[in-house]
Amino acid sequence: MSKRKPLTYLAAVCTVTAGKTSCLAADARAAESRSIDAKDKVPGMQGSQTPTAPDRQPGLVGGLHAGDSLLQVENARLGYKLENRFHLAVQDVSFDLSPAETVILLGPSGCGKSTLLKSIAGFIDLSGGSISLRGRRTVAPGPDRAVVFQEFDQLFPWRTVLDNVAYPLRRNGRSKAKAADRAKHYLGMMGLSEAVDRFPHQLSGGMKQRVSIARAMALEPAMLLMDEPFGSLDALTRSRLQQELNDIAAQTEVTILFVTHSIEEAIILGDRIVILSDPPSVVREIVDVSEATKRADSDDYLEMRSHLRSMLVSEGAEDGHEIKPFD
């Protein structure tokens, strides 16, 4: 039986402190029960113990050579208990993810896309199978996997934009100045340099998602896990953020696992698309997406969209936003 971790995971960043893993929950003010300033060092995070992201090396992406698998999901099985009965959501799912690649999880409502992503993040235990990151089994959340969720309320409402992005860096041992510098760098990359002193209630939905992405990227994780992050945005903002994410992926070579219910979004963002069946889900097909396919006016795009739509319709999926109790 898969077990949910005994914490509320509503925020975008997980941290490791004093050898223990915790997650920043935006609805839990207790997460910042201790003020961190220049004179307040995080226990266990001194000297060589500071878990910073690995430096990039020539010929390496995320510490691996091109072609190596960063993530391997093998025969993953996931379910949940409801009214004393075990319900299987994911029956047998296998795929891998290479450095600097963007892979999309696409499937009908309730097939366990989001649940599988949360298991890769370390939030939910598998019922069977295995998940490996850089060749090691992943069990607990950590700063090597940063998560961006769909909800806008991922930010600490009492912190400024700059402090929201800098906070997880401080929790991971960065000095106040270095954390601020890195936060400003990624906020600038997301076009938010003029909004660093604002509070979350002063931001639009799109700006809040940009801050969440900047906060995740600032950790320089091995992998960025994104759970329908643009699903609640208007069409124009969504399209703009999709392009920005593609640009950031090209600039930083970040590895992305992205959950979406949108066929068009899957084609625009993905290098590969993993299509899941109805629950209990298995992998129906893994589709490669070429650059030519991403052009909305091309025959390849239209053919790909038609193929994906036919597969999802045959599984009972609707072309629109999914309302799902578990996925």
C-alpha atoms as a PDB file:
ATOM      1  CA  MET A   1       0.000   0.000   0.000  1.00  0.00           C
ATOM      2  CA  SER A   2       1.297   3.428  -0.850  1.00  0.00           C
ATOM      3  CA  LYS A   3       1.610   5.714   2.129  1.00  0.00           C
ATOM      4  CA  ARG A   4       1.432   9.480   2.117  1.00  0.00           C
ATOM      5  CA  LYS A   5       4.131  11.238   4.050  1.00  0.00           C
ATOM      6  CA  PRO A   6       2.880  12.719   7.342  1.00  0.00           C
ATOM      7  CA  LEU A   7       3.335  16.327   6.223  1.00  0.00           C
ATOM      8  CA  THR A   8       1.316  18.675   4.035  1.00  0.00           C
ATOM      9  CA  TYR A   9       3.154  19.229   0.756  1.00  0.00           C
ATOM     10  CA  LEU A  10       1.671  22.352  -0.778  1.00  0.00           C
ATOM     11  CA  ALA A  11       4.829  24.254  -1.615  1.00  0.00           C
ATOM     12  CA  ALA A  12       7.269  24.055  -4.463  1.00  0.00           C
ATOM     13  CA  VAL A  13      10.572  23.387  -2.755  1.00  0.00           C
ATOM     14  CA  CYS A  14      11.909  20.633  -0.556  1.00  0.00           C
ATOM     15  CA  THR A  15      14.962  21.152   1.616  1.00  0.00           C
ATOM     16  CA  VAL A  16      17.402  19.083   3.595  1.00  0.00           C
ATOM     17  CA  THR A  17      18.339  20.371   7.038  1.00  0.00           C
ATOM     18  CA  ALA A  18      20.558  18.708   9.620  1.00  0.00           C
ATOM     19  CA  GLY A  19      20.493  15.488   7.651  1.00  0.00           C
ATOM     20  CA  LYS A  20      16.685  15.379   7.679  1.00  0.00           C
ATOM     21  CA  THR A  21      14.319  16.165   4.864  1.00  0.00           C
ATOM     22  CA  SER A  22      11.497  18.647   5.135  1.00  0.00           C
ATOM     23  CA  CYS A  23       9.230  20.482   2.728  1.00  0.00           C
ATOM     24  CA  LEU A  24       8.234  24.134   2.769  1.00  0.00           C
ATOM     25  CA  ALA A  25       4.471  24.169   3.180  1.00  0.00           C
ATOM     26  CA  ALA A  26       2.908  27.450   2.143  1.00  0.00           C
ATOM     27  CA  ASP A  27       0.007  26.921   4.515  1.00  0.00           C
ATOM     28  CA  ALA A  28       2.201  26.138   7.528  1.00  0.00           C
ATOM     29  CA  ARG A  29       3.699  29.174   9.209  1.00  0.00           C
ATOM     30  CA  ALA A  30       5.580  26.766  11.456  1.00  0.00           C
ATOM     31  CA  ALA A  31       7.926  26.166   8.535  1.00  0.00           C
ATOM     32  CA  GLU A  32       9.677  29.380   9.429  1.00  0.00           C
ATOM     33  CA  SER A  33       9.479  29.081  13.197  1.00  0.00           C
ATOM     34  CA  ARG A  34      13.133  30.009  13.308  1.00  0.00           C
ATOM     35  CA  SER A  35      14.316  33.266  11.764  1.00  0.00           C
ATOM     36  CA  ILE A  36      17.359  32.822   9.560  1.00  0.00           C
ATOM     37  CA  ASP A  37      19.678  35.762   9.339  1.00  0.00           C
ATOM     38  CA  ALA A  38      23.414  36.329   9.176  1.00  0.00           C
ATOM     39  CA  LYS A  39      23.891  35.241  12.773  1.00  0.00           C
ATOM     40  CA  ASP A  40      21.475  32.289  12.652  1.00  0.00           C
ATOM     41  CA  LYS A  41      23.202  29.336  11.003  1.00  0.00           C
ATOM     42  CA  VAL A  42      21.280  26.238  10.022  1.00  0.00           C
ATOM     43  CA  PRO A  43      22.397  23.282  12.169  1.00  0.00           C
ATOM     44  CA  GLY A  44      24.303  20.631  10.268  1.00  0.00           C
ATOM     45  CA  MET A  45      24.810  22.872   7.265  1.00  0.00           C
ATOM     46  CA  GLN A  46      28.316  24.120   7.863  1.00  0.00           C
ATOM     47  CA  GLY A  47      31.378  23.646   5.713  1.00  0.00           C
ATOM     48  CA  SER A  48      31.382  20.657   3.408  1.00  0.00           C
ATOM     49  CA  GLN A  49      28.028  19.480   4.718  1.00  0.00           C
ATOM     50  CA  THR A  50      26.112  22.157   2.824  1.00  0.00           C
ATOM     51  CA  PRO A  51      24.054  20.314   0.176  1.00  0.00           C
ATOM     52  CA  THR A  52      24.441  22.652  -2.773  1.00  0.00           C
ATOM     53  CA  ALA A  53      23.609  21.743  -6.347  1.00  0.00           C
ATOM     54  CA  PRO A  54      26.464  20.148  -8.305  1.00  0.00           C
ATOM     55  CA  ASP A  55      28.487  22.456 -10.527  1.00  0.00           C
ATOM     56  CA  ARG A  56      28.063  21.859 -14.223  1.00  0.00           C
ATOM     57  CA  GLN A  57      31.045  20.318 -15.951  1.00  0.00           C
ATOM     58  CA  PRO A  58      31.921  20.395 -19.647  1.00  0.00           C
ATOM     59  CA  GLY A  59      30.224  17.484 -21.410  1.00  0.00           C
ATOM     60  CA  LEU A  60      28.055  16.763 -18.401  1.00  0.00           C
ATOM     61  CA  VAL A  61      24.431  17.606 -17.729  1.00  0.00           C
ATOM     62  CA  GLY A  62      23.246  17.158 -14.169  1.00  0.00           C
ATOM     63  CA  GLY A  63      26.442  15.255 -13.394  1.00  0.00           C
ATOM     64  CA  LEU A  64      25.735  12.683 -16.120  1.00  0.00           C
ATOM     65  CA  HIS A  65      26.937  12.175 -19.660  1.00  0.00           C
ATOM     66  CA  ALA A  66      24.482  12.741 -22.492  1.00  0.00           C
ATOM     67  CA  GLY A  67      22.485   9.575 -23.110  1.00  0.00           C
ATOM     68  CA  ASP A  68      22.656   8.406 -19.488  1.00  0.00           C
ATOM     69  CA  SER A  69      19.347   8.080 -17.652  1.00  0.00           C
ATOM     70  CA  LEU A  70      18.847  10.590 -14.873  1.00  0.00           C
ATOM     71  CA  LEU A  71      15.546   9.049 -13.774  1.00  0.00           C
ATOM     72  CA  GLN A  72      14.358   5.472 -14.152  1.00  0.00           C
ATOM     73  CA  VAL A  73      10.823   4.417 -13.277  1.00  0.00           C
ATOM     74  CA  GLU A  74      10.422   0.645 -13.434  1.00  0.00           C
ATOM     75  CA  ASN A  75       7.101  -1.179 -13.040  1.00  0.00           C
ATOM     76  CA  ALA A  76       5.759   1.544 -10.734  1.00  0.00           C
ATOM     77  CA  ARG A  77       2.572   0.612  -8.908  1.00  0.00           C
ATOM     78  CA  LEU A  78       0.528   3.105  -6.880  1.00  0.00           C
ATOM     79  CA  GLY A  79      -2.812   3.150  -5.116  1.00  0.00           C
ATOM     80  CA  TYR A  80      -4.727   4.604  -2.223  1.00  0.00           C
ATOM     81  CA  LYS A  81      -7.039   3.428   0.535  1.00  0.00           C
ATOM     82  CA  LEU A  82     -10.611   4.694   0.601  1.00  0.00           C
ATOM     83  CA  GLU A  83     -13.313   3.410   2.941  1.00  0.00           C
ATOM     84  CA  ASN A  84     -11.119   0.478   3.981  1.00  0.00           C
ATOM     85  CA  ARG A  85     -10.609  -0.607   0.386  1.00  0.00           C
ATOM     86  CA  PHE A  86      -7.408  -0.359  -1.639  1.00  0.00           C
ATOM     87  CA  HIS A  87      -7.881   1.302  -5.030  1.00  0.00           C
ATOM     88  CA  LEU A  88      -5.149   0.770  -7.619  1.00  0.00           C
ATOM     89  CA  ALA A  89      -4.448   3.911  -9.657  1.00  0.00           C
ATOM     90  CA  VAL A  90      -1.142   3.012 -11.354  1.00  0.00           C
ATOM     91  CA  GLN A  91      -0.728  -0.648 -12.250  1.00  0.00           C
ATOM     92  CA  ASP A  92       2.557  -0.870 -14.160  1.00  0.00           C
ATOM     93  CA  VAL A  93       4.385   2.196 -15.479  1.00  0.00           C
ATOM     94  CA  SER A  94       7.967   2.283 -16.747  1.00  0.00           C
ATOM     95  CA  PHE A  95       9.896   5.071 -18.464  1.00  0.00           C
ATOM     96  CA  ASP A  96      13.188   6.910 -18.161  1.00  0.00           C
ATOM     97  CA  LEU A  97      14.328  10.501 -18.367  1.00  0.00           C
ATOM     98  CA  SER A  98      17.680  11.708 -19.695  1.00  0.00           C
ATOM     99  CA  PRO A  99      19.534  14.860 -18.609  1.00  0.00           C
ATOM    100  CA  ALA A 100      18.253  18.079 -20.210  1.00  0.00           C
ATOM    101  CA  GLU A 101      15.152  16.298 -21.499  1.00  0.00           C
ATOM    102  CA  THR A 102      11.525  17.315 -21.007  1.00  0.00           C
ATOM    103  CA  VAL A 103       9.138  14.385 -20.650  1.00  0.00           C
ATOM    104  CA  ILE A 104       5.371  14.852 -20.453  1.00  0.00           C
ATOM    105  CA  LEU A 105       2.966  12.608 -18.534  1.00  0.00           C
ATOM    106  CA  LEU A 106      -0.356  12.662 -20.386  1.00  0.00           C
ATOM    107  CA  GLY A 107      -3.436  10.558 -19.703  1.00  0.00           C
ATOM    108  CA  PRO A 108      -7.122  10.462 -18.770  1.00  0.00           C
ATOM    109  CA  SER A 109      -8.458  11.764 -15.503  1.00  0.00           C
ATOM    110  CA  GLY A 110      -7.713   9.580 -12.499  1.00  0.00           C
ATOM    111  CA  CYS A 111      -4.900   7.633 -14.164  1.00  0.00           C
ATOM    112  CA  GLY A 112      -2.373   8.715 -11.524  1.00  0.00           C
ATOM    113  CA  LYS A 113      -0.236  11.237 -13.423  1.00  0.00           C
ATOM    114  CA  SER A 114       0.077  13.651 -10.531  1.00  0.00           C
ATOM    115  CA  THR A 115       0.348  10.847  -8.001  1.00  0.00           C
ATOM    116  CA  LEU A 116       3.233   9.320  -9.927  1.00  0.00           C
ATOM    117  CA  LEU A 117       4.984  12.696 -10.037  1.00  0.00           C
ATOM    118  CA  LYS A 118       4.542  13.091  -6.270  1.00  0.00           C
ATOM    119  CA  SER A 119       6.002   9.639  -5.754  1.00  0.00           C
ATOM    120  CA  ILE A 120       9.059  10.636  -7.790  1.00  0.00           C
ATOM    121  CA  ALA A 121       9.292  13.735  -5.581  1.00  0.00           C
ATOM    122  CA  GLY A 122       9.332  11.431  -2.563  1.00  0.00           C
ATOM    123  CA  PHE A 123       5.965  12.488  -1.141  1.00  0.00           C
ATOM    124  CA  ILE A 124       4.172   9.155  -1.642  1.00  0.00           C
ATOM    125  CA  ASP A 125       5.564   5.620  -1.345  1.00  0.00           C
ATOM    126  CA  LEU A 126       5.215   3.150  -4.203  1.00  0.00           C
ATOM    127  CA  SER A 127       3.121   0.035  -3.712  1.00  0.00           C
ATOM    128  CA  GLY A 128       5.470  -1.802  -6.045  1.00  0.00           C
ATOM    129  CA  GLY A 129       8.257  -1.304  -8.550  1.00  0.00           C
ATOM    130  CA  SER A 130      11.094   1.185  -8.181  1.00  0.00           C
ATOM    131  CA  ILE A 131      12.184   4.765  -8.848  1.00  0.00           C
ATOM    132  CA  SER A 132      15.886   5.547  -9.280  1.00  0.00           C
ATOM    133  CA  LEU A 133      17.559   8.927  -9.580  1.00  0.00           C
ATOM    134  CA  ARG A 134      21.168   8.948 -10.766  1.00  0.00           C
ATOM    135  CA  GLY A 135      21.282   5.235 -10.126  1.00  0.00           C
ATOM    136  CA  ARG A 136      20.109   5.400  -6.521  1.00  0.00           C
ATOM    137  CA  ARG A 137      16.683   4.639  -5.154  1.00  0.00           C
ATOM    138  CA  THR A 138      14.815   7.800  -4.193  1.00  0.00           C
ATOM    139  CA  VAL A 139      12.856   7.571  -0.973  1.00  0.00           C
ATOM    140  CA  ALA A 140      12.607  10.984   0.686  1.00  0.00           C
ATOM    141  CA  PRO A 141      12.106  14.482  -0.769  1.00  0.00           C
ATOM    142  CA  GLY A 142      15.275  16.471  -1.393  1.00  0.00           C
ATOM    143  CA  PRO A 143      16.613  19.587  -3.112  1.00  0.00           C
ATOM    144  CA  ASP A 144      17.664  17.510  -6.134  1.00  0.00           C
ATOM    145  CA  ARG A 145      13.947  17.444  -7.081  1.00  0.00           C
ATOM    146  CA  ALA A 146      12.070  20.733  -6.958  1.00  0.00           C
ATOM    147  CA  VAL A 147       8.306  20.758  -7.481  1.00  0.00           C
ATOM    148  CA  VAL A 148       5.994  23.384  -8.956  1.00  0.00           C
ATOM    149  CA  PHE A 149       2.289  22.765  -8.432  1.00  0.00           C
ATOM    150  CA  GLN A 150      -0.800  24.170 -10.131  1.00  0.00           C
ATOM    151  CA  GLU A 151      -2.090  26.117  -7.134  1.00  0.00           C
ATOM    152  CA  PHE A 152      -1.214  29.809  -6.891  1.00  0.00           C
ATOM    153  CA  ASP A 153      -0.897  29.634  -3.087  1.00  0.00           C
ATOM    154  CA  GLN A 154       2.587  28.130  -3.100  1.00  0.00           C
ATOM    155  CA  LEU A 155       4.280  31.231  -1.718  1.00  0.00           C
ATOM    156  CA  PHE A 156       4.704  32.431   1.835  1.00  0.00           C
ATOM    157  CA  PRO A 157       2.227  35.349   1.970  1.00  0.00           C
ATOM    158  CA  TRP A 158       4.215  37.195   4.628  1.00  0.00           C
ATOM    159  CA  ARG A 159       7.438  37.200   2.574  1.00  0.00           C
ATOM    160  CA  THR A 160       8.381  39.348  -0.403  1.00  0.00           C
ATOM    161  CA  VAL A 161       9.018  37.840  -3.810  1.00  0.00           C
ATOM    162  CA  LEU A 162      12.771  38.024  -3.204  1.00  0.00           C
ATOM    163  CA  ASP A 163      12.500  36.426   0.233  1.00  0.00           C
ATOM    164  CA  ASN A 164      10.279  33.641  -1.088  1.00  0.00           C
ATOM    165  CA  VAL A 165      12.938  32.630  -3.593  1.00  0.00           C
ATOM    166  CA  ALA A 166      15.865  33.146  -1.214  1.00  0.00           C
ATOM    167  CA  TYR A 167      14.331  31.302   1.738  1.00  0.00           C
ATOM    168  CA  PRO A 168      15.000  27.691   0.604  1.00  0.00           C
ATOM    169  CA  LEU A 169      18.542  28.709  -0.316  1.00  0.00           C
ATOM    170  CA  ARG A 170      19.069  30.004   3.215  1.00  0.00           C
ATOM    171  CA  ARG A 171      17.619  26.780   4.614  1.00  0.00           C
ATOM    172  CA  ASN A 172      20.194  24.898   2.561  1.00  0.00           C
ATOM    173  CA  GLY A 173      23.131  26.832   4.001  1.00  0.00           C
ATOM    174  CA  ARG A 174      23.585  29.785   1.652  1.00  0.00           C
ATOM    175  CA  SER A 175      24.596  33.078   3.156  1.00  0.00           C
ATOM    176  CA  LYS A 176      22.051  35.878   3.057  1.00  0.00           C
ATOM    177  CA  ALA A 177      23.966  37.745   0.369  1.00  0.00           C
ATOM    178  CA  LYS A 178      24.563  34.708  -1.854  1.00  0.00           C
ATOM    179  CA  ALA A 179      20.963  33.597  -1.500  1.00  0.00           C
ATOM    180  CA  ALA A 180      19.733  37.052  -2.499  1.00  0.00           C
ATOM    181  CA  ASP A 181      22.082  37.197  -5.507  1.00  0.00           C
ATOM    182  CA  ARG A 182      20.961  33.826  -6.797  1.00  0.00           C
ATOM    183  CA  ALA A 183      17.309  34.661  -6.166  1.00  0.00           C
ATOM    184  CA  LYS A 184      17.637  37.908  -8.134  1.00  0.00           C
ATOM    185  CA  HIS A 185      19.306  36.033 -10.995  1.00  0.00           C
ATOM    186  CA  TYR A 186      16.430  33.593 -11.435  1.00  0.00           C
ATOM    187  CA  LEU A 187      13.773  36.209 -10.844  1.00  0.00           C
ATOM    188  CA  GLY A 188      15.403  38.219 -13.603  1.00  0.00           C
ATOM    189  CA  MET A 189      15.323  35.168 -15.852  1.00  0.00           C
ATOM    190  CA  MET A 190      11.556  35.000 -15.237  1.00  0.00           C
ATOM    191  CA  GLY A 191      11.101  38.715 -15.960  1.00  0.00           C
ATOM    192  CA  LEU A 192      10.399  39.674 -12.346  1.00  0.00           C
ATOM    193  CA  SER A 193      13.301  42.006 -11.550  1.00  0.00           C
ATOM    194  CA  GLU A 194      10.881  44.884 -10.930  1.00  0.00           C
ATOM    195  CA  ALA A 195       8.698  42.835  -8.570  1.00  0.00           C
ATOM    196  CA  VAL A 196      11.264  41.626  -6.017  1.00  0.00           C
ATOM    197  CA  ASP A 197       9.840  43.772  -3.193  1.00  0.00           C
ATOM    198  CA  ARG A 198       6.197  42.895  -3.768  1.00  0.00           C
ATOM    199  CA  PHE A 199       4.187  40.480  -1.659  1.00  0.00           C
ATOM    200  CA  PRO A 200       2.223  37.552  -3.170  1.00  0.00           C
ATOM    201  CA  HIS A 201      -1.142  39.311  -2.809  1.00  0.00           C
ATOM    202  CA  GLN A 202       0.204  42.046  -5.089  1.00  0.00           C
ATOM    203  CA  LEU A 203       0.895  39.583  -7.939  1.00  0.00           C
ATOM    204  CA  SER A 204      -1.241  38.161 -10.723  1.00  0.00           C
ATOM    205  CA  GLY A 205      -1.667  34.414 -11.079  1.00  0.00           C
ATOM    206  CA  GLY A 206       0.922  34.274 -13.853  1.00  0.00           C
ATOM    207  CA  MET A 207       3.447  36.247 -11.797  1.00  0.00           C
ATOM    208  CA  LYS A 208       2.945  33.930  -8.831  1.00  0.00           C
ATOM    209  CA  GLN A 209       3.718  30.931 -11.026  1.00  0.00           C
ATOM    210  CA  ARG A 210       6.830  32.693 -12.333  1.00  0.00           C
ATOM    211  CA  VAL A 211       7.996  33.199  -8.740  1.00  0.00           C
ATOM    212  CA  SER A 212       7.333  29.521  -7.989  1.00  0.00           C
ATOM    213  CA  ILE A 213       9.374  28.464 -11.017  1.00  0.00           C
ATOM    214  CA  ALA A 214      12.187  30.879 -10.073  1.00  0.00           C
ATOM    215  CA  ARG A 215      12.222  29.491  -6.522  1.00  0.00           C
ATOM    216  CA  ALA A 216      12.493  25.938  -7.815  1.00  0.00           C
ATOM    217  CA  MET A 217      15.139  26.819 -10.421  1.00  0.00           C
ATOM    218  CA  ALA A 218      17.245  28.732  -7.868  1.00  0.00           C
ATOM    219  CA  LEU A 219      18.030  25.438  -6.126  1.00  0.00           C
ATOM    220  CA  GLU A 220      19.522  24.225  -9.429  1.00  0.00           C
ATOM    221  CA  PRO A 221      17.914  20.821  -8.924  1.00  0.00           C
ATOM    222  CA  ALA A 222      18.758  17.722 -10.912  1.00  0.00           C
ATOM    223  CA  MET A 223      15.126  17.643 -11.954  1.00  0.00           C
ATOM    224  CA  LEU A 224      12.181  20.019 -12.072  1.00  0.00           C
ATOM    225  CA  LEU A 225       8.829  18.336 -11.408  1.00  0.00           C
ATOM    226  CA  MET A 226       5.851  20.329 -12.673  1.00  0.00           C
ATOM    227  CA  ASP A 227       2.267  19.324 -11.880  1.00  0.00           C
ATOM    228  CA  GLU A 228      -0.029  21.184 -14.307  1.00  0.00           C
ATOM    229  CA  PRO A 229       1.566  24.526 -13.330  1.00  0.00           C
ATOM    230  CA  PHE A 230      -0.221  26.504 -16.046  1.00  0.00           C
ATOM    231  CA  GLY A 231      -3.591  24.778 -15.800  1.00  0.00           C
ATOM    232  CA  SER A 232      -5.375  27.630 -13.997  1.00  0.00           C
ATOM    233  CA  LEU A 233      -4.044  30.443 -16.174  1.00  0.00           C
ATOM    234  CA  ASP A 234      -5.769  32.245 -19.032  1.00  0.00           C
ATOM    235  CA  ALA A 235      -4.828  31.148 -22.553  1.00  0.00           C
ATOM    236  CA  LEU A 236      -2.556  34.116 -23.326  1.00  0.00           C
ATOM    237  CA  THR A 237      -0.580  33.891 -20.062  1.00  0.00           C
ATOM    238  CA  ARG A 238      -0.339  30.145 -20.420  1.00  0.00           C
ATOM    239  CA  SER A 239       1.084  30.422 -23.926  1.00  0.00           C
ATOM    240  CA  ARG A 240       3.607  33.030 -22.774  1.00  0.00           C
ATOM    241  CA  LEU A 241       4.777  30.880 -19.858  1.00  0.00           C
ATOM    242  CA  GLN A 242       5.083  27.822 -22.082  1.00  0.00           C
ATOM    243  CA  GLN A 243       7.488  29.736 -24.325  1.00  0.00           C
ATOM    244  CA  GLU A 244       9.395  31.059 -21.321  1.00  0.00           C
ATOM    245  CA  LEU A 245       9.750  27.543 -19.939  1.00  0.00           C
ATOM    246  CA  ASN A 246      11.093  26.289 -23.265  1.00  0.00           C
ATOM    247  CA  ASP A 247      13.601  29.167 -23.304  1.00  0.00           C
ATOM    248  CA  ILE A 248      14.705  28.451 -19.727  1.00  0.00           C
ATOM    249  CA  ALA A 249      15.085  24.743 -20.469  1.00  0.00           C
ATOM    250  CA  ALA A 250      17.305  25.575 -23.439  1.00  0.00           C
ATOM    251  CA  GLN A 251      19.414  28.058 -21.427  1.00  0.00           C
ATOM    252  CA  THR A 252      19.881  25.995 -18.270  1.00  0.00           C
ATOM    253  CA  GLU A 253      19.607  22.405 -19.597  1.00  0.00           C
ATOM    254  CA  VAL A 254      17.307  21.615 -16.688  1.00  0.00           C
ATOM    255  CA  THR A 255      15.596  18.216 -16.779  1.00  0.00           C
ATOM    256  CA  ILE A 256      11.797  18.462 -16.564  1.00  0.00           C
ATOM    257  CA  LEU A 257       9.005  16.000 -15.840  1.00  0.00           C
ATOM    258  CA  PHE A 258       5.745  17.770 -16.642  1.00  0.00           C
ATOM    259  CA  VAL A 259       2.158  16.654 -15.978  1.00  0.00           C
ATOM    260  CA  THR A 260      -0.587  18.139 -18.140  1.00  0.00           C
ATOM    261  CA  HIS A 261      -4.098  17.394 -19.378  1.00  0.00           C
ATOM    262  CA  SER A 262      -3.543  19.526 -22.494  1.00  0.00           C
ATOM    263  CA  ILE A 263      -2.551  17.811 -25.738  1.00  0.00           C
ATOM    264  CA  GLU A 264      -1.325  21.084 -27.240  1.00  0.00           C
ATOM    265  CA  GLU A 265       0.819  21.855 -24.184  1.00  0.00           C
ATOM    266  CA  ALA A 266       2.320  18.373 -24.281  1.00  0.00           C
ATOM    267  CA  ILE A 267       3.419  18.863 -27.887  1.00  0.00           C
ATOM    268  CA  ILE A 268       4.777  22.385 -27.348  1.00  0.00           C
ATOM    269  CA  LEU A 269       6.849  21.494 -24.275  1.00  0.00           C
ATOM    270  CA  GLY A 270       7.775  17.845 -24.592  1.00  0.00           C
ATOM    271  CA  ASP A 271      10.725  16.030 -26.098  1.00  0.00           C
ATOM    272  CA  ARG A 272       8.804  12.820 -25.378  1.00  0.00           C
ATOM    273  CA  ILE A 273       5.233  12.156 -24.245  1.00  0.00           C
ATOM    274  CA  VAL A 274       4.357   9.215 -22.008  1.00  0.00           C
ATOM    275  CA  ILE A 275       0.703   8.332 -22.649  1.00  0.00           C
ATOM    276  CA  LEU A 276      -1.040   6.565 -19.788  1.00  0.00           C
ATOM    277  CA  SER A 277      -4.177   4.432 -20.018  1.00  0.00           C
ATOM    278  CA  ASP A 278      -7.311   4.513 -17.904  1.00  0.00           C
ATOM    279  CA  PRO A 279      -6.768   3.491 -14.272  1.00  0.00           C
ATOM    280  CA  PRO A 280      -5.290   1.252 -13.170  1.00  0.00           C
ATOM    281  CA  SER A 281      -2.868   2.765 -15.663  1.00  0.00           C
ATOM    282  CA  VAL A 282      -0.145   1.310 -17.819  1.00  0.00           C
ATOM    283  CA  VAL A 283       1.971   3.004 -20.494  1.00  0.00           C
ATOM    284  CA  ARG A 284       0.082   2.891 -23.774  1.00  0.00           C
ATOM    285  CA  GLU A 285       2.805   4.551 -25.818  1.00  0.00           C
ATOM    286  CA  ILE A 286       5.855   6.788 -25.542  1.00  0.00           C
ATOM    287  CA  VAL A 287       5.939   9.310 -28.385  1.00  0.00           C
ATOM    288  CA  ASP A 288       8.960  11.302 -29.602  1.00  0.00           C
ATOM    289  CA  VAL A 289       8.282  14.952 -30.445  1.00  0.00           C
ATOM    290  CA  SER A 290      10.471  16.541 -33.109  1.00  0.00           C
ATOM    291  CA  GLU A 291      11.105  20.256 -33.462  1.00  0.00           C
ATOM    292  CA  ALA A 292       9.087  20.248 -36.682  1.00  0.00           C
ATOM    293  CA  THR A 293       6.131  18.796 -34.783  1.00  0.00           C
ATOM    294  CA  LYS A 294       6.120  21.758 -32.376  1.00  0.00           C
ATOM    295  CA  ARG A 295       5.171  24.212 -35.145  1.00  0.00           C
ATOM    296  CA  ALA A 296       1.423  24.648 -34.867  1.00  0.00           C
ATOM    297  CA  ASP A 297       1.053  25.315 -38.600  1.00  0.00           C
ATOM    298  CA  SER A 298       2.865  22.144 -39.669  1.00  0.00           C
ATOM    299  CA  ASP A 299       1.348  18.897 -40.900  1.00  0.00           C
ATOM    300  CA  ASP A 300       3.455  17.034 -38.313  1.00  0.00           C
ATOM    301  CA  TYR A 301       1.816  19.018 -35.499  1.00  0.00           C
ATOM    302  CA  LEU A 302      -1.682  18.338 -36.775  1.00  0.00           C
ATOM    303  CA  GLU A 303      -0.913  14.655 -37.213  1.00  0.00           C
ATOM    304  CA  MET A 304       0.553  14.382 -33.703  1.00  0.00           C
ATOM    305  CA  ARG A 305      -2.383  16.230 -32.141  1.00  0.00           C
ATOM    306  CA  SER A 306      -4.843  13.964 -33.924  1.00  0.00           C
ATOM    307  CA  HIS A 307      -2.950  10.854 -32.810  1.00  0.00           C
ATOM    308  CA  LEU A 308      -2.813  11.918 -29.161  1.00  0.00           C
ATOM    309  CA  ARG A 309      -6.453  12.993 -29.184  1.00  0.00           C
ATOM    310  CA  SER A 310      -7.570   9.657 -30.619  1.00  0.00           C
ATOM    311  CA  MET A 311      -5.662   7.763 -27.939  1.00  0.00           C
ATOM    312  CA  LEU A 312      -7.087   9.844 -25.105  1.00  0.00           C
ATOM    313  CA  VAL A 313     -10.646   9.817 -26.449  1.00  0.00           C
ATOM    314  CA  SER A 314     -10.437   6.043 -26.708  1.00  0.00           C
ATOM    315  CA  GLU A 315      -9.537   6.059 -23.014  1.00  0.00           C
ATOM    316  CA  GLY A 316     -12.516   8.257 -22.122  1.00  0.00           C
ATOM    317  CA  ALA A 317     -10.582  11.520 -21.628  1.00  0.00           C
ATOM    318  CA  GLU A 318     -12.255  14.849 -22.247  1.00  0.00           C
ATOM    319  CA  ASP A 319     -10.613  17.643 -24.181  1.00  0.00           C
ATOM    320  CA  GLY A 320     -10.513  20.194 -21.396  1.00  0.00           C
ATOM    321  CA  HIS A 321      -9.528  20.695 -17.813  1.00  0.00           C
ATOM    322  CA  GLU A 322      -9.792  17.563 -15.735  1.00  0.00           C
ATOM    323  CA  ILE A 323     -11.503  17.649 -12.358  1.00  0.00           C
ATOM    324  CA  LYS A 324     -10.114  14.687 -10.510  1.00  0.00           C
ATOM    325  CA  PRO A 325     -10.293  13.569  -6.880  1.00  0.00           C
ATOM    326  CA  PHE A 326      -7.004  11.728  -6.891  1.00  0.00           C
ATOM    327  CA  ASP A 327      -4.920  12.437  -9.987  1.00  0.00           C
END
